[in-house]
Amino acid sequence: MKSDDKVIASEEALDGELFTLIGSLPDGALISETGLARIFGRHPSAIKRAIDRGELPPPVYLMKRPVFSIGCIRRFLQNRFQQALEEHEHLQNTLKKHRNVD
């Protein structure tokens, strides 16, 4: 990789291109913790904290370095979106029931 091929993400680029970038990579592609931090425009320690909070899947270690599978990240995020949708629907149904009780 030439130095001008490196991914450098700015906050403006992340607004619309983060998921495009992750979506354009094949499921089998591996990305380092540092590479993921660059995509998100964060420090690698922020990636570690996001993993601890359950916002990202845990990495696997390859040659003593943490790496992520793009497919794993994609599935993890899809599951989080599905869970958020189900929680929202449950809350809406609960509120609807309480409103009908009055």
C-alpha atoms as a PDB file:
ATOM      1  CA  MET A   1       0.000   0.000   0.000  1.00  0.00           C
ATOM      2  CA  LYS A   2       1.374   3.367  -0.970  1.00  0.00           C
ATOM      3  CA  SER A   3       1.203   6.189   1.553  1.00  0.00           C
ATOM      4  CA  ASP A   4      -1.413   8.025  -0.531  1.00  0.00           C
ATOM      5  CA  ASP A   5      -3.656   4.901  -0.425  1.00  0.00           C
ATOM      6  CA  LYS A   6      -4.237   5.154   3.346  1.00  0.00           C
ATOM      7  CA  VAL A   7      -7.753   5.720   4.626  1.00  0.00           C
ATOM      8  CA  ILE A   8      -8.003   9.079   6.340  1.00  0.00           C
ATOM      9  CA  ALA A   9     -11.498   9.829   7.580  1.00  0.00           C
ATOM     10  CA  SER A  10     -12.592  13.324   8.480  1.00  0.00           C
ATOM     11  CA  GLU A  11     -15.742  14.060  10.438  1.00  0.00           C
ATOM     12  CA  GLU A  12     -17.398  15.407   7.274  1.00  0.00           C
ATOM     13  CA  ALA A  13     -16.539  12.237   5.360  1.00  0.00           C
ATOM     14  CA  LEU A  14     -17.945  10.078   8.139  1.00  0.00           C
ATOM     15  CA  ASP A  15     -21.333  11.754   7.961  1.00  0.00           C
ATOM     16  CA  GLY A  16     -22.286   9.981   4.747  1.00  0.00           C
ATOM     17  CA  GLU A  17     -19.482   7.671   3.796  1.00  0.00           C
ATOM     18  CA  LEU A  18     -18.846   5.486   6.852  1.00  0.00           C
ATOM     19  CA  PHE A  19     -21.446   2.876   6.045  1.00  0.00           C
ATOM     20  CA  THR A  20     -20.709   3.170   2.337  1.00  0.00           C
ATOM     21  CA  LEU A  21     -17.086   2.315   3.047  1.00  0.00           C
ATOM     22  CA  ILE A  22     -17.921  -0.585   5.362  1.00  0.00           C
ATOM     23  CA  GLY A  23     -20.646  -1.709   2.959  1.00  0.00           C
ATOM     24  CA  SER A  24     -18.296  -1.707  -0.016  1.00  0.00           C
ATOM     25  CA  LEU A  25     -15.802  -4.107   1.551  1.00  0.00           C
ATOM     26  CA  PRO A  26     -16.357  -7.871   1.202  1.00  0.00           C
ATOM     27  CA  ASP A  27     -17.497  -9.846   4.262  1.00  0.00           C
ATOM     28  CA  GLY A  28     -14.198 -11.707   4.355  1.00  0.00           C
ATOM     29  CA  ALA A  29     -12.082  -8.565   4.489  1.00  0.00           C
ATOM     30  CA  LEU A  30     -10.085  -8.118   7.679  1.00  0.00           C
ATOM     31  CA  ILE A  31      -9.378  -4.738   9.213  1.00  0.00           C
ATOM     32  CA  SER A  32      -7.047  -3.867  12.051  1.00  0.00           C
ATOM     33  CA  GLU A  33      -8.130  -2.042  15.162  1.00  0.00           C
ATOM     34  CA  THR A  34      -6.142   0.967  13.947  1.00  0.00           C
ATOM     35  CA  GLY A  35      -7.801   0.801  10.532  1.00  0.00           C
ATOM     36  CA  LEU A  36     -11.237   0.658  12.135  1.00  0.00           C
ATOM     37  CA  ALA A  37     -10.304   3.642  14.301  1.00  0.00           C
ATOM     38  CA  ARG A  38      -9.337   5.571  11.168  1.00  0.00           C
ATOM     39  CA  ILE A  39     -12.643   4.748   9.491  1.00  0.00           C
ATOM     40  CA  PHE A  40     -14.559   5.964  12.542  1.00  0.00           C
ATOM     41  CA  GLY A  41     -12.263   8.961  12.947  1.00  0.00           C
ATOM     42  CA  ARG A  42     -11.385   7.907  16.479  1.00  0.00           C
ATOM     43  CA  HIS A  43      -8.345   6.845  18.473  1.00  0.00           C
ATOM     44  CA  PRO A  44      -7.777   3.067  18.806  1.00  0.00           C
ATOM     45  CA  SER A  45      -8.495   3.336  22.540  1.00  0.00           C
ATOM     46  CA  ALA A  46     -11.996   4.593  21.636  1.00  0.00           C
ATOM     47  CA  ILE A  47     -12.511   1.397  19.645  1.00  0.00           C
ATOM     48  CA  LYS A  48     -11.539  -0.643  22.728  1.00  0.00           C
ATOM     49  CA  ARG A  49     -14.042   1.304  24.846  1.00  0.00           C
ATOM     50  CA  ALA A  50     -16.770   0.799  22.220  1.00  0.00           C
ATOM     51  CA  ILE A  51     -16.126  -2.945  22.402  1.00  0.00           C
ATOM     52  CA  ASP A  52     -16.369  -2.822  26.208  1.00  0.00           C
ATOM     53  CA  ARG A  53     -19.722  -0.989  25.912  1.00  0.00           C
ATOM     54  CA  GLY A  54     -21.029  -3.561  23.426  1.00  0.00           C
ATOM     55  CA  GLU A  55     -21.136  -1.083  20.543  1.00  0.00           C
ATOM     56  CA  LEU A  56     -18.705  -3.125  18.436  1.00  0.00           C
ATOM     57  CA  PRO A  57     -17.973  -6.840  18.344  1.00  0.00           C
ATOM     58  CA  PRO A  58     -14.803  -8.103  19.990  1.00  0.00           C
ATOM     59  CA  PRO A  59     -11.818  -8.642  17.699  1.00  0.00           C
ATOM     60  CA  VAL A  60      -9.897 -11.825  17.136  1.00  0.00           C
ATOM     61  CA  TYR A  61      -6.147 -11.804  17.407  1.00  0.00           C
ATOM     62  CA  LEU A  62      -4.009 -12.554  14.403  1.00  0.00           C
ATOM     63  CA  MET A  63      -0.275 -12.538  14.996  1.00  0.00           C
ATOM     64  CA  LYS A  64      -0.904 -10.849  18.365  1.00  0.00           C
ATOM     65  CA  ARG A  65      -2.836  -7.970  16.787  1.00  0.00           C
ATOM     66  CA  PRO A  66      -6.590  -7.372  17.084  1.00  0.00           C
ATOM     67  CA  VAL A  67      -8.424  -7.658  13.764  1.00  0.00           C
ATOM     68  CA  PHE A  68     -12.068  -7.509  12.771  1.00  0.00           C
ATOM     69  CA  SER A  69     -13.977  -9.167   9.971  1.00  0.00           C
ATOM     70  CA  ILE A  70     -16.041  -6.688   7.977  1.00  0.00           C
ATOM     71  CA  GLY A  71     -18.797  -9.298   7.739  1.00  0.00           C
ATOM     72  CA  CYS A  72     -18.798  -9.706  11.512  1.00  0.00           C
ATOM     73  CA  ILE A  73     -19.014  -5.944  12.047  1.00  0.00           C
ATOM     74  CA  ARG A  74     -21.823  -5.691   9.498  1.00  0.00           C
ATOM     75  CA  ARG A  75     -23.840  -8.531  11.098  1.00  0.00           C
ATOM     76  CA  PHE A  76     -23.220  -7.130  14.577  1.00  0.00           C
ATOM     77  CA  LEU A  77     -24.533  -3.700  13.563  1.00  0.00           C
ATOM     78  CA  GLN A  78     -27.525  -5.212  11.752  1.00  0.00           C
ATOM     79  CA  ASN A  79     -28.397  -7.138  14.932  1.00  0.00           C
ATOM     80  CA  ARG A  80     -28.098  -3.947  16.992  1.00  0.00           C
ATOM     81  CA  PHE A  81     -30.411  -2.112  14.578  1.00  0.00           C
ATOM     82  CA  GLN A  82     -32.927  -4.968  14.739  1.00  0.00           C
ATOM     83  CA  GLN A  83     -32.777  -4.970  18.542  1.00  0.00           C
ATOM     84  CA  ALA A  84     -33.316  -1.196  18.646  1.00  0.00           C
ATOM     85  CA  LEU A  85     -36.325  -1.543  16.339  1.00  0.00           C
ATOM     86  CA  GLU A  86     -37.842  -4.284  18.505  1.00  0.00           C
ATOM     87  CA  GLU A  87     -37.291  -2.220  21.666  1.00  0.00           C
ATOM     88  CA  HIS A  88     -38.919   0.797  20.005  1.00  0.00           C
ATOM     89  CA  GLU A  89     -41.931  -1.258  18.883  1.00  0.00           C
ATOM     90  CA  HIS A  90     -42.292  -2.754  22.369  1.00  0.00           C
ATOM     91  CA  LEU A  91     -42.215   0.714  23.932  1.00  0.00           C
ATOM     92  CA  GLN A  92     -44.796   1.990  21.435  1.00  0.00           C
ATOM     93  CA  ASN A  93     -47.102  -0.959  22.184  1.00  0.00           C
ATOM     94  CA  THR A  94     -46.727  -0.425  25.940  1.00  0.00           C
ATOM     95  CA  LEU A  95     -47.542   3.270  25.602  1.00  0.00           C
ATOM     96  CA  LYS A  96     -50.518   2.472  23.389  1.00  0.00           C
ATOM     97  CA  LYS A  97     -51.896   0.039  25.993  1.00  0.00           C
ATOM     98  CA  HIS A  98     -51.538   2.601  28.776  1.00  0.00           C
ATOM     99  CA  ARG A  99     -53.249   5.272  26.727  1.00  0.00           C
ATOM    100  CA  ASN A 100     -56.204   2.955  26.023  1.00  0.00           C
ATOM    101  CA  VAL A 101     -56.657   2.158  29.734  1.00  0.00           C
ATOM    102  CA  ASP A 102     -57.718   5.726  30.577  1.00  0.00           C
END
